[in-house]
C-alpha atoms as a PDB file:
ATOM      1  CA  MET A   1       0.000   0.000   0.000  1.00  0.00           C
ATOM      2  CA  ALA A   2       1.384   3.434  -0.939  1.00  0.00           C
ATOM      3  CA  LEU A   3       2.271   5.758   1.912  1.00  0.00           C
ATOM      4  CA  HIS A   4       0.481   9.120   1.698  1.00  0.00           C
ATOM      5  CA  VAL A   5       2.090  11.915   3.737  1.00  0.00           C
ATOM      6  CA  PRO A   6       0.901  15.556   3.631  1.00  0.00           C
ATOM      7  CA  LEU A   7       3.445  17.895   2.104  1.00  0.00           C
ATOM      8  CA  ASP A   8       4.066  19.924   5.280  1.00  0.00           C
ATOM      9  CA  ARG A   9       4.811  16.759   7.286  1.00  0.00           C
ATOM     10  CA  LEU A  10       7.039  15.456   4.522  1.00  0.00           C
ATOM     11  CA  GLN A  11       8.999  18.713   4.534  1.00  0.00           C
ATOM     12  CA  ARG A  12       9.457  18.611   8.306  1.00  0.00           C
ATOM     13  CA  TRP A  13      10.526  14.965   8.111  1.00  0.00           C
ATOM     14  CA  MET A  14      13.075  15.710   5.392  1.00  0.00           C
ATOM     15  CA  GLN A  15      14.518  18.578   7.402  1.00  0.00           C
ATOM     16  CA  ALA A  16      14.788  16.443  10.541  1.00  0.00           C
ATOM     17  CA  VAL A  17      16.587  13.696   8.615  1.00  0.00           C
ATOM     18  CA  VAL A  18      18.982  16.052   6.826  1.00  0.00           C
ATOM     19  CA  VAL A  19      20.038  17.956   9.964  1.00  0.00           C
ATOM     20  CA  HIS A  20      20.408  14.818  12.089  1.00  0.00           C
ATOM     21  CA  PRO A  21      24.014  14.856  13.404  1.00  0.00           C
ATOM     22  CA  GLY A  22      24.470  11.083  13.556  1.00  0.00           C
ATOM     23  CA  ALA A  23      24.806   8.335  10.977  1.00  0.00           C
ATOM     24  CA  THR A  24      22.325   8.337   8.116  1.00  0.00           C
ATOM     25  CA  PRO A  25      20.632   4.966   8.928  1.00  0.00           C
ATOM     26  CA  ALA A  26      19.693   6.320  12.370  1.00  0.00           C
ATOM     27  CA  ALA A  27      18.311   9.636  11.057  1.00  0.00           C
ATOM     28  CA  PRO A  28      14.738   8.424  10.199  1.00  0.00           C
ATOM     29  CA  GLY A  29      14.430   7.108  13.734  1.00  0.00           C
ATOM     30  CA  ALA A  30      15.352  10.418  15.377  1.00  0.00           C
ATOM     31  CA  PRO A  31      12.507  11.832  17.526  1.00  0.00           C
ATOM     32  CA  ALA A  32      11.860  14.829  15.254  1.00  0.00           C
ATOM     33  CA  ALA A  33      11.683  12.630  12.143  1.00  0.00           C
ATOM     34  CA  ARG A  34       9.659   9.894  13.837  1.00  0.00           C
ATOM     35  CA  ALA A  35       7.071  12.454  14.906  1.00  0.00           C
ATOM     36  CA  GLU A  36       6.258  13.134  11.245  1.00  0.00           C
ATOM     37  CA  VAL A  37       6.718   9.755   9.497  1.00  0.00           C
ATOM     38  CA  PRO A  38       6.956   6.248  11.002  1.00  0.00           C
ATOM     39  CA  PRO A  39      10.503   4.847  10.839  1.00  0.00           C
ATOM     40  CA  GLY A  40      11.075   2.062   8.359  1.00  0.00           C
ATOM     41  CA  THR A  41       9.133   3.777   5.576  1.00  0.00           C
ATOM     42  CA  VAL A  42      12.003   5.573   3.833  1.00  0.00           C
ATOM     43  CA  ALA A  43      11.716   3.356   0.754  1.00  0.00           C
ATOM     44  CA  ASP A  44       8.077   4.424   0.425  1.00  0.00           C
ATOM     45  CA  LEU A  45       9.082   8.101   0.344  1.00  0.00           C
ATOM     46  CA  ILE A  46      12.434   8.170  -1.480  1.00  0.00           C
ATOM     47  CA  ARG A  47      13.035   6.156  -4.601  1.00  0.00           C
ATOM     48  CA  PRO A  48      16.391   4.398  -4.991  1.00  0.00           C
ATOM     49  CA  SER A  49      18.512   5.083  -8.053  1.00  0.00           C
ATOM     50  CA  LEU A  50      20.327   2.501 -10.191  1.00  0.00           C
ATOM     51  CA  THR A  51      23.396   2.736  -7.952  1.00  0.00           C
ATOM     52  CA  MET A  52      22.175   4.082  -4.604  1.00  0.00           C
ATOM     53  CA  SER A  53      19.611   3.080  -2.011  1.00  0.00           C
ATOM     54  CA  ALA A  54      17.060   5.511  -0.619  1.00  0.00           C
ATOM     55  CA  LEU A  55      19.159   6.010   2.548  1.00  0.00           C
ATOM     56  CA  GLU A  56      22.311   6.618   0.517  1.00  0.00           C
ATOM     57  CA  ARG A  57      20.553   9.295  -1.503  1.00  0.00           C
ATOM     58  CA  ILE A  58      19.421  11.015   1.716  1.00  0.00           C
ATOM     59  CA  GLY A  59      22.976  10.724   3.009  1.00  0.00           C
ATOM     60  CA  ILE A  60      24.213  13.009   0.221  1.00  0.00           C
ATOM     61  CA  TYR A  61      22.013  15.847   1.492  1.00  0.00           C
ATOM     62  CA  GLN A  62      22.786  15.072   5.102  1.00  0.00           C
ATOM     63  CA  GLY A  63      26.528  15.281   4.471  1.00  0.00           C
ATOM     64  CA  MET A  64      26.285  18.434   2.384  1.00  0.00           C
ATOM     65  CA  TYR A  65      24.191  20.182   5.030  1.00  0.00           C
ATOM     66  CA  LEU A  66      26.979  20.108   7.603  1.00  0.00           C
ATOM     67  CA  LEU A  67      29.582  21.150   5.043  1.00  0.00           C
ATOM     68  CA  ARG A  68      27.393  24.090   3.991  1.00  0.00           C
ATOM     69  CA  MET A  69      26.983  25.170   7.614  1.00  0.00           C
ATOM     70  CA  GLU A  70      30.745  25.007   8.123  1.00  0.00           C
ATOM     71  CA  ASP A  71      31.320  27.036   4.977  1.00  0.00           C
ATOM     72  CA  ALA A  72      28.854  29.723   6.085  1.00  0.00           C
ATOM     73  CA  LEU A  73      30.328  30.003   9.580  1.00  0.00           C
ATOM     74  CA  ALA A  74      33.906  29.972   8.298  1.00  0.00           C
ATOM     75  CA  GLY A  75      33.131  33.094   6.286  1.00  0.00           C
ATOM     76  CA  ASP A  76      31.838  34.910   9.369  1.00  0.00           C
ATOM     77  CA  TYR A  77      34.368  33.527  11.863  1.00  0.00           C
ATOM     78  CA  GLU A  78      37.601  33.650   9.886  1.00  0.00           C
ATOM     79  CA  ALA A  79      39.935  34.281  12.834  1.00  0.00           C
ATOM     80  CA  LEU A  80      38.268  31.691  15.076  1.00  0.00           C
ATOM     81  CA  ARG A  81      38.661  29.082  12.343  1.00  0.00           C
ATOM     82  CA  HIS A  82      42.308  30.058  11.899  1.00  0.00           C
ATOM     83  CA  LEU A  83      42.993  29.760  15.629  1.00  0.00           C
ATOM     84  CA  LEU A  84      41.292  26.375  16.039  1.00  0.00           C
ATOM     85  CA  GLY A  85      42.376  24.804  12.757  1.00  0.00           C
ATOM     86  CA  GLU A  86      40.160  22.987  10.252  1.00  0.00           C
ATOM     87  CA  ASP A  87      39.389  19.861  12.274  1.00  0.00           C
ATOM     88  CA  ARG A  88      38.555  21.521  15.596  1.00  0.00           C
ATOM     89  CA  PHE A  89      36.528  24.227  13.871  1.00  0.00           C
ATOM     90  CA  PHE A  90      34.499  21.536  12.061  1.00  0.00           C
ATOM     91  CA  ASP A  91      33.882  19.809  15.413  1.00  0.00           C
ATOM     92  CA  LEU A  92      32.731  23.129  16.851  1.00  0.00           C
ATOM     93  CA  VAL A  93      30.336  23.653  13.938  1.00  0.00           C
ATOM     94  CA  ARG A  94      28.956  20.117  14.244  1.00  0.00           C
ATOM     95  CA  GLY A  95      28.046  20.648  17.887  1.00  0.00           C
ATOM     96  CA  TYR A  96      26.786  24.177  17.312  1.00  0.00           C
ATOM     97  CA  VAL A  97      24.323  23.432  14.497  1.00  0.00           C
ATOM     98  CA  GLN A  98      22.960  20.537  16.505  1.00  0.00           C
ATOM     99  CA  GLU A  99      21.897  23.025  19.197  1.00  0.00           C
ATOM    100  CA  TYR A 100      21.233  25.948  16.863  1.00  0.00           C
ATOM    101  CA  PRO A 101      20.144  24.675  13.436  1.00  0.00           C
ATOM    102  CA  SER A 102      19.522  27.215  10.703  1.00  0.00           C
ATOM    103  CA  ARG A 103      16.071  28.772  11.254  1.00  0.00           C
ATOM    104  CA  HIS A 104      16.387  31.927   9.152  1.00  0.00           C
ATOM    105  CA  PHE A 105      16.146  32.393   5.403  1.00  0.00           C
ATOM    106  CA  SER A 106      19.576  34.057   5.465  1.00  0.00           C
ATOM    107  CA  LEU A 107      22.692  32.194   6.587  1.00  0.00           C
ATOM    108  CA  ASN A 108      24.037  35.543   7.791  1.00  0.00           C
ATOM    109  CA  ARG A 109      22.111  34.822  11.008  1.00  0.00           C
ATOM    110  CA  LEU A 110      23.435  31.300  11.488  1.00  0.00           C
ATOM    111  CA  GLY A 111      26.278  32.338  13.799  1.00  0.00           C
ATOM    112  CA  ASP A 112      24.221  34.589  16.092  1.00  0.00           C
ATOM    113  CA  HIS A 113      24.655  32.258  19.086  1.00  0.00           C
ATOM    114  CA  LEU A 114      28.189  31.007  18.441  1.00  0.00           C
ATOM    115  CA  PRO A 115      29.894  33.148  21.147  1.00  0.00           C
ATOM    116  CA  GLU A 116      27.517  31.783  23.787  1.00  0.00           C
ATOM    117  CA  TYR A 117      28.036  28.237  22.532  1.00  0.00           C
ATOM    118  CA  VAL A 118      31.827  28.652  22.707  1.00  0.00           C
ATOM    119  CA  LEU A 119      31.510  29.104  26.479  1.00  0.00           C
ATOM    120  CA  ARG A 120      30.282  25.517  26.859  1.00  0.00           C
ATOM    121  CA  ALA A 121      31.538  23.768  23.731  1.00  0.00           C
ATOM    122  CA  PRO A 122      33.664  20.661  24.400  1.00  0.00           C
ATOM    123  CA  GLY A 123      37.319  20.471  23.411  1.00  0.00           C
ATOM    124  CA  LEU A 124      38.362  24.119  23.770  1.00  0.00           C
ATOM    125  CA  ALA A 125      40.194  23.731  27.106  1.00  0.00           C
ATOM    126  CA  ARG A 126      42.496  26.678  27.906  1.00  0.00           C
ATOM    127  CA  ARG A 127      41.613  28.550  24.700  1.00  0.00           C
ATOM    128  CA  ARG A 128      37.953  28.944  25.632  1.00  0.00           C
ATOM    129  CA  ALA A 129      38.271  32.553  26.849  1.00  0.00           C
ATOM    130  CA  VAL A 130      40.213  33.790  23.824  1.00  0.00           C
ATOM    131  CA  CYS A 131      37.877  31.890  21.465  1.00  0.00           C
ATOM    132  CA  HIS A 132      34.957  33.627  23.141  1.00  0.00           C
ATOM    133  CA  ASP A 133      36.544  37.047  22.604  1.00  0.00           C
ATOM    134  CA  LEU A 134      37.279  36.278  18.956  1.00  0.00           C
ATOM    135  CA  ALA A 135      33.747  35.040  18.380  1.00  0.00           C
ATOM    136  CA  ARG A 136      32.286  38.179  19.988  1.00  0.00           C
ATOM    137  CA  LEU A 137      34.407  40.421  17.767  1.00  0.00           C
ATOM    138  CA  GLU A 138      33.517  38.573  14.573  1.00  0.00           C
ATOM    139  CA  ARG A 139      29.813  38.381  15.447  1.00  0.00           C
ATOM    140  CA  ALA A 140      29.838  42.155  16.054  1.00  0.00           C
ATOM    141  CA  MET A 141      31.330  42.689  12.614  1.00  0.00           C
ATOM    142  CA  GLY A 142      28.607  40.557  11.057  1.00  0.00           C
ATOM    143  CA  ARG A 143      25.848  42.418  12.857  1.00  0.00           C
ATOM    144  CA  VAL A 144      27.308  45.799  11.926  1.00  0.00           C
ATOM    145  CA  PHE A 145      27.468  44.669   8.305  1.00  0.00           C
ATOM    146  CA  ASP A 146      23.729  43.823   8.357  1.00  0.00           C
ATOM    147  CA  ALA A 147      22.613  46.847  10.395  1.00  0.00           C
ATOM    148  CA  PRO A 148      20.336  49.496   8.822  1.00  0.00           C
ATOM    149  CA  GLU A 149      21.963  52.446   7.089  1.00  0.00           C
ATOM    150  CA  THR A 150      21.681  55.744   8.985  1.00  0.00           C
ATOM    151  CA  PRO A 151      23.141  59.100   7.955  1.00  0.00           C
ATOM    152  CA  HIS A 152      26.199  60.294   9.874  1.00  0.00           C
ATOM    153  CA  LEU A 153      26.673  63.636  11.568  1.00  0.00           C
ATOM    154  CA  THR A 154      27.962  66.338   9.228  1.00  0.00           C
ATOM    155  CA  ALA A 155      30.470  69.101   9.943  1.00  0.00           C
ATOM    156  CA  HIS A 156      27.688  71.600   9.217  1.00  0.00           C
ATOM    157  CA  ALA A 157      25.470  70.058  11.922  1.00  0.00           C
ATOM    158  CA  ILE A 158      28.313  70.159  14.450  1.00  0.00           C
ATOM    159  CA  ALA A 159      29.036  73.805  13.659  1.00  0.00           C
ATOM    160  CA  ALA A 160      25.346  74.644  14.100  1.00  0.00           C
ATOM    161  CA  VAL A 161      25.349  73.642  17.784  1.00  0.00           C
ATOM    162  CA  PRO A 162      25.725  76.765  19.975  1.00  0.00           C
ATOM    163  CA  PRO A 163      28.692  76.545  22.393  1.00  0.00           C
ATOM    164  CA  GLU A 164      26.372  76.856  25.399  1.00  0.00           C
ATOM    165  CA  ALA A 165      24.359  73.839  24.252  1.00  0.00           C
ATOM    166  CA  TRP A 166      27.224  71.334  24.233  1.00  0.00           C
ATOM    167  CA  GLU A 167      27.313  70.602  27.952  1.00  0.00           C
ATOM    168  CA  GLN A 168      23.747  69.241  27.908  1.00  0.00           C
ATOM    169  CA  ALA A 169      24.005  67.715  24.438  1.00  0.00           C
ATOM    170  CA  ARG A 170      23.640  64.000  23.795  1.00  0.00           C
ATOM    171  CA  LEU A 171      25.234  62.175  20.867  1.00  0.00           C
ATOM    172  CA  VAL A 172      23.212  59.502  19.073  1.00  0.00           C
ATOM    173  CA  PRO A 173      25.325  56.718  17.510  1.00  0.00           C
ATOM    174  CA  ILE A 174      24.663  55.309  14.053  1.00  0.00           C
ATOM    175  CA  ALA A 175      22.845  51.979  13.816  1.00  0.00           C
ATOM    176  CA  ALA A 176      25.862  50.158  12.335  1.00  0.00           C
ATOM    177  CA  PHE A 177      27.903  50.469  15.511  1.00  0.00           C
ATOM    178  CA  ALA A 178      29.269  48.191  18.245  1.00  0.00           C
ATOM    179  CA  LEU A 179      31.482  48.969  21.236  1.00  0.00           C
ATOM    180  CA  LEU A 180      33.362  46.086  22.841  1.00  0.00           C
ATOM    181  CA  ALA A 181      35.792  45.229  25.638  1.00  0.00           C
ATOM    182  CA  PHE A 182      38.023  42.140  25.526  1.00  0.00           C
ATOM    183  CA  ARG A 183      40.389  40.205  27.761  1.00  0.00           C
ATOM    184  CA  TYR A 184      42.725  39.375  24.871  1.00  0.00           C
ATOM    185  CA  PRO A 185      44.182  41.352  21.910  1.00  0.00           C
ATOM    186  CA  VAL A 186      41.793  39.814  19.417  1.00  0.00           C
ATOM    187  CA  VAL A 187      41.560  42.826  17.103  1.00  0.00           C
ATOM    188  CA  ALA A 188      45.297  42.596  16.403  1.00  0.00           C
ATOM    189  CA  TYR A 189      44.957  38.850  15.844  1.00  0.00           C
ATOM    190  CA  LEU A 190      42.074  39.280  13.395  1.00  0.00           C
ATOM    191  CA  ASP A 191      44.015  41.997  11.577  1.00  0.00           C
ATOM    192  CA  SER A 192      46.967  39.641  11.180  1.00  0.00           C
ATOM    193  CA  VAL A 193      44.791  36.794   9.907  1.00  0.00           C
ATOM    194  CA  SER A 194      43.082  39.060   7.372  1.00  0.00           C
ATOM    195  CA  ASP A 195      46.350  40.608   6.162  1.00  0.00           C
ATOM    196  CA  GLU A 196      48.836  37.715   6.402  1.00  0.00           C
ATOM    197  CA  PRO A 197      47.015  34.413   7.057  1.00  0.00           C
ATOM    198  CA  ASP A 198      50.132  32.282   6.476  1.00  0.00           C
ATOM    199  CA  HIS A 199      52.581  34.356   8.506  1.00  0.00           C
ATOM    200  CA  ALA A 200      53.319  34.895  12.204  1.00  0.00           C
ATOM    201  CA  HIS A 201      50.545  36.275  14.377  1.00  0.00           C
ATOM    202  CA  PRO A 202      50.618  38.259  17.621  1.00  0.00           C
ATOM    203  CA  PRO A 203      50.549  36.163  20.788  1.00  0.00           C
ATOM    204  CA  LEU A 204      47.166  35.894  22.440  1.00  0.00           C
ATOM    205  CA  ARG A 205      48.299  36.555  26.003  1.00  0.00           C
ATOM    206  CA  ARG A 206      45.960  38.006  28.630  1.00  0.00           C
ATOM    207  CA  GLN A 207      45.636  41.735  27.973  1.00  0.00           C
ATOM    208  CA  ASP A 208      42.625  44.007  28.334  1.00  0.00           C
ATOM    209  CA  THR A 209      41.760  45.678  25.025  1.00  0.00           C
ATOM    210  CA  TRP A 210      38.892  47.768  23.697  1.00  0.00           C
ATOM    211  CA  ALA A 211      37.476  48.349  20.224  1.00  0.00           C
ATOM    212  CA  VAL A 212      34.759  50.012  18.192  1.00  0.00           C
ATOM    213  CA  VAL A 213      33.261  48.390  15.095  1.00  0.00           C
ATOM    214  CA  TYR A 214      31.263  50.471  12.625  1.00  0.00           C
ATOM    215  CA  ARG A 215      30.204  50.677   8.980  1.00  0.00           C
ATOM    216  CA  ARG A 216      30.980  53.626   6.752  1.00  0.00           C
ATOM    217  CA  ASP A 217      30.475  53.832   2.989  1.00  0.00           C
ATOM    218  CA  TYR A 218      29.479  50.138   2.816  1.00  0.00           C
ATOM    219  CA  THR A 219      32.705  49.047   4.513  1.00  0.00           C
ATOM    220  CA  VAL A 220      32.968  47.601   8.048  1.00  0.00           C
ATOM    221  CA  TRP A 221      35.800  49.100  10.074  1.00  0.00           C
ATOM    222  CA  ARG A 222      37.317  47.995  13.367  1.00  0.00           C
ATOM    223  CA  GLN A 223      39.500  50.226  15.509  1.00  0.00           C
ATOM    224  CA  GLU A 224      41.241  49.589  18.808  1.00  0.00           C
ATOM    225  CA  LEU A 225      40.646  52.125  21.573  1.00  0.00           C
ATOM    226  CA  THR A 226      42.509  53.172  24.690  1.00  0.00           C
ATOM    227  CA  ARG A 227      40.820  52.602  28.035  1.00  0.00           C
ATOM    228  CA  PRO A 228      39.884  56.323  28.446  1.00  0.00           C
ATOM    229  CA  ALA A 229      38.562  56.495  24.869  1.00  0.00           C
ATOM    230  CA  HIS A 230      36.409  53.418  25.433  1.00  0.00           C
ATOM    231  CA  HIS A 231      35.167  54.824  28.749  1.00  0.00           C
ATOM    232  CA  LEU A 232      34.158  58.147  27.183  1.00  0.00           C
ATOM    233  CA  LEU A 233      32.530  56.566  24.139  1.00  0.00           C
ATOM    234  CA  SER A 234      30.598  54.069  26.267  1.00  0.00           C
ATOM    235  CA  LEU A 235      29.170  56.921  28.357  1.00  0.00           C
ATOM    236  CA  LEU A 236      28.184  58.911  25.281  1.00  0.00           C
ATOM    237  CA  VAL A 237      26.409  56.034  23.520  1.00  0.00           C
ATOM    238  CA  ALA A 238      24.650  55.167  26.791  1.00  0.00           C
ATOM    239  CA  GLY A 239      22.933  58.559  26.602  1.00  0.00           C
ATOM    240  CA  ARG A 240      25.018  60.589  29.059  1.00  0.00           C
ATOM    241  CA  THR A 241      25.388  64.267  28.211  1.00  0.00           C
ATOM    242  CA  VAL A 242      28.686  65.469  26.797  1.00  0.00           C
ATOM    243  CA  GLY A 243      29.409  67.522  29.931  1.00  0.00           C
ATOM    244  CA  ASP A 244      28.636  64.645  32.289  1.00  0.00           C
ATOM    245  CA  ALA A 245      30.640  62.115  30.246  1.00  0.00           C
ATOM    246  CA  VAL A 246      33.691  64.375  30.051  1.00  0.00           C
ATOM    247  CA  ALA A 247      33.577  65.184  33.774  1.00  0.00           C
ATOM    248  CA  THR A 248      33.299  61.475  34.633  1.00  0.00           C
ATOM    249  CA  VAL A 249      36.289  60.503  32.504  1.00  0.00           C
ATOM    250  CA  LEU A 250      38.453  63.368  33.862  1.00  0.00           C
ATOM    251  CA  ARG A 251      37.558  62.700  37.517  1.00  0.00           C
ATOM    252  CA  PRO A 252      40.076  59.913  38.358  1.00  0.00           C
ATOM    253  CA  ARG A 253      43.651  60.979  39.079  1.00  0.00           C
ATOM    254  CA  GLY A 254      46.767  59.155  37.909  1.00  0.00           C
ATOM    255  CA  ARG A 255      49.170  58.866  35.002  1.00  0.00           C
ATOM    256  CA  ASN A 256      46.530  57.242  32.758  1.00  0.00           C
ATOM    257  CA  ARG A 257      44.125  60.150  33.191  1.00  0.00           C
ATOM    258  CA  PRO A 258      43.430  61.682  29.757  1.00  0.00           C
ATOM    259  CA  THR A 259      43.865  65.385  29.113  1.00  0.00           C
ATOM    260  CA  GLU A 260      41.192  67.655  27.719  1.00  0.00           C
ATOM    261  CA  ASP A 261      43.188  67.704  24.481  1.00  0.00           C
ATOM    262  CA  ASP A 262      42.913  63.901  24.363  1.00  0.00           C
ATOM    263  CA  LEU A 263      39.134  64.105  24.680  1.00  0.00           C
ATOM    264  CA  PHE A 264      38.858  66.718  21.918  1.00  0.00           C
ATOM    265  CA  ARG A 265      41.021  64.501  19.709  1.00  0.00           C
ATOM    266  CA  PHE A 266      38.796  61.490  20.422  1.00  0.00           C
ATOM    267  CA  PHE A 267      35.714  63.500  19.472  1.00  0.00           C
ATOM    268  CA  ARG A 268      37.275  64.787  16.241  1.00  0.00           C
ATOM    269  CA  GLU A 269      38.292  61.267  15.219  1.00  0.00           C
ATOM    270  CA  TRP A 270      34.873  59.793  15.999  1.00  0.00           C
ATOM    271  CA  THR A 271      32.910  62.448  14.168  1.00  0.00           C
ATOM    272  CA  ALA A 272      35.277  62.199  11.177  1.00  0.00           C
ATOM    273  CA  ALA A 273      34.712  58.428  11.160  1.00  0.00           C
ATOM    274  CA  GLY A 274      30.931  58.965  11.164  1.00  0.00           C
ATOM    275  CA  LEU A 275      30.119  57.238  14.458  1.00  0.00           C
ATOM    276  CA  PHE A 276      27.239  59.574  15.327  1.00  0.00           C
ATOM    277  CA  GLN A 277      24.057  60.355  13.439  1.00  0.00           C
ATOM    278  CA  SER A 278      22.754  63.344  15.421  1.00  0.00           C
ATOM    279  CA  ILE A 279      23.140  65.637  18.419  1.00  0.00           C
ATOM    280  CA  GLU A 280      20.245  66.246  20.800  1.00  0.00           C
ATOM    281  CA  SER A 281      20.252  69.231  23.143  1.00  0.00           C
ATOM    282  CA  GLN A 282      17.719  70.569  25.675  1.00  0.00           C
ATOM    283  CA  ARG A 283      19.224  74.033  26.014  1.00  0.00           C
ATOM    284  CA  PHE A 284      16.276  75.650  24.240  1.00  0.00           C
ATOM    285  CA  GLY A 285      13.789  76.048  27.039  1.00  0.00           C
ATOM    286  CA  PRO A 286      11.962  73.685  29.482  1.00  0.00           C
ATOM    287  CA  GLY A 287      10.817  70.485  27.847  1.00  0.00           C
ATOM    288  CA  ARG A 288      12.231  71.438  24.464  1.00  0.00           C
ATOM    289  CA  THR A 289      14.772  69.348  22.598  1.00  0.00           C
ATOM    290  CA  ARG A 290      16.502  70.310  19.375  1.00  0.00           C
ATOM    291  CA  THR A 291      18.203  67.782  17.147  1.00  0.00           C
ATOM    292  CA  PHE A 292      21.170  68.596  14.901  1.00  0.00           C
ATOM    293  CA  ASP A 293      21.873  66.154  12.076  1.00  0.00           C
END
C-alpha cells in the first residue's frame, strides 16, 4: 500500500533527517523525524537510483548540510577558524548546528549564538576565553554589516550647535555600531589573519583591550581604543550628556588620566569616522529638545 504523507509533514521529516548529526541509517528514527513519518518507511518516500539506495541518496544531502553550515560560519568567523584549525573548527560547527540549526532564510544569522556556545563547547580547554573574545568580535562585525543604514553627523550640523548647548548635548550613535571590551588582543589577531594568514601572528596573552566596530560607505571598520577612549565613548552612547561624560572621565587621578586635548582629539576622530548620526540638546527652554543632524 502506498504511503500518503501531507506535504508539510514530509517537509518537516526531510529537514529532521537532513540535519540529524548522527549516521544516516539512524536519522529516520530520530525523535523529530519519527514524529512526522513512522521509521522504516524511507523506501516508500524516497526512490532508490540505479546505484544508490534511498538512505544513501538522503545521506548526500545530510553530508552536504553540515559542510554548507561550516562554509557559512567559516566566512563569518575567519579568525576563530584560523585559531582552532580545520578539524577543531568543524567539530565546533557540528556541535553548534545541533543546538542551533539554521532557522532563518539568510545564513548571515546562522552564527548569532556562536559566542555563547563557545563558552560551553567541548574540546576548547584553555583557549575557551580567547575563542569567546574572537567570536564576539567577529559576530559584532557581522551584525554591523547587516545593520540598517543611517546618515552620519555632518560638519555643518556640528558647527550649528551653539557653544552653550554642548554641555547638555547628547550624541546619538549610528545603527551600524558596536562597542566592545576584551580580555585578549583579538583585534590585532584578526588583523593579522586578514592581512597575512600564512605568517606569524601576535601572541594571544591576557591583555585588556577595547574596540569600536562600525560601517561607513558600505565598509565595516574595526579600531582599537585606549581605556579612556572606550570609557568616554561608552558613556556617550549610553545617553550621558557630553558635559557629564567628560567630567566622569576626567575625575580619576593618575598617570593614565586623559587630558582635555585627548578628549577633543577622540571627538574629532569619531565624528570624522561617522560614528554619530545626530546631536540632541535641551538648552532651548523647558521640555524642548533640538536635534542637529
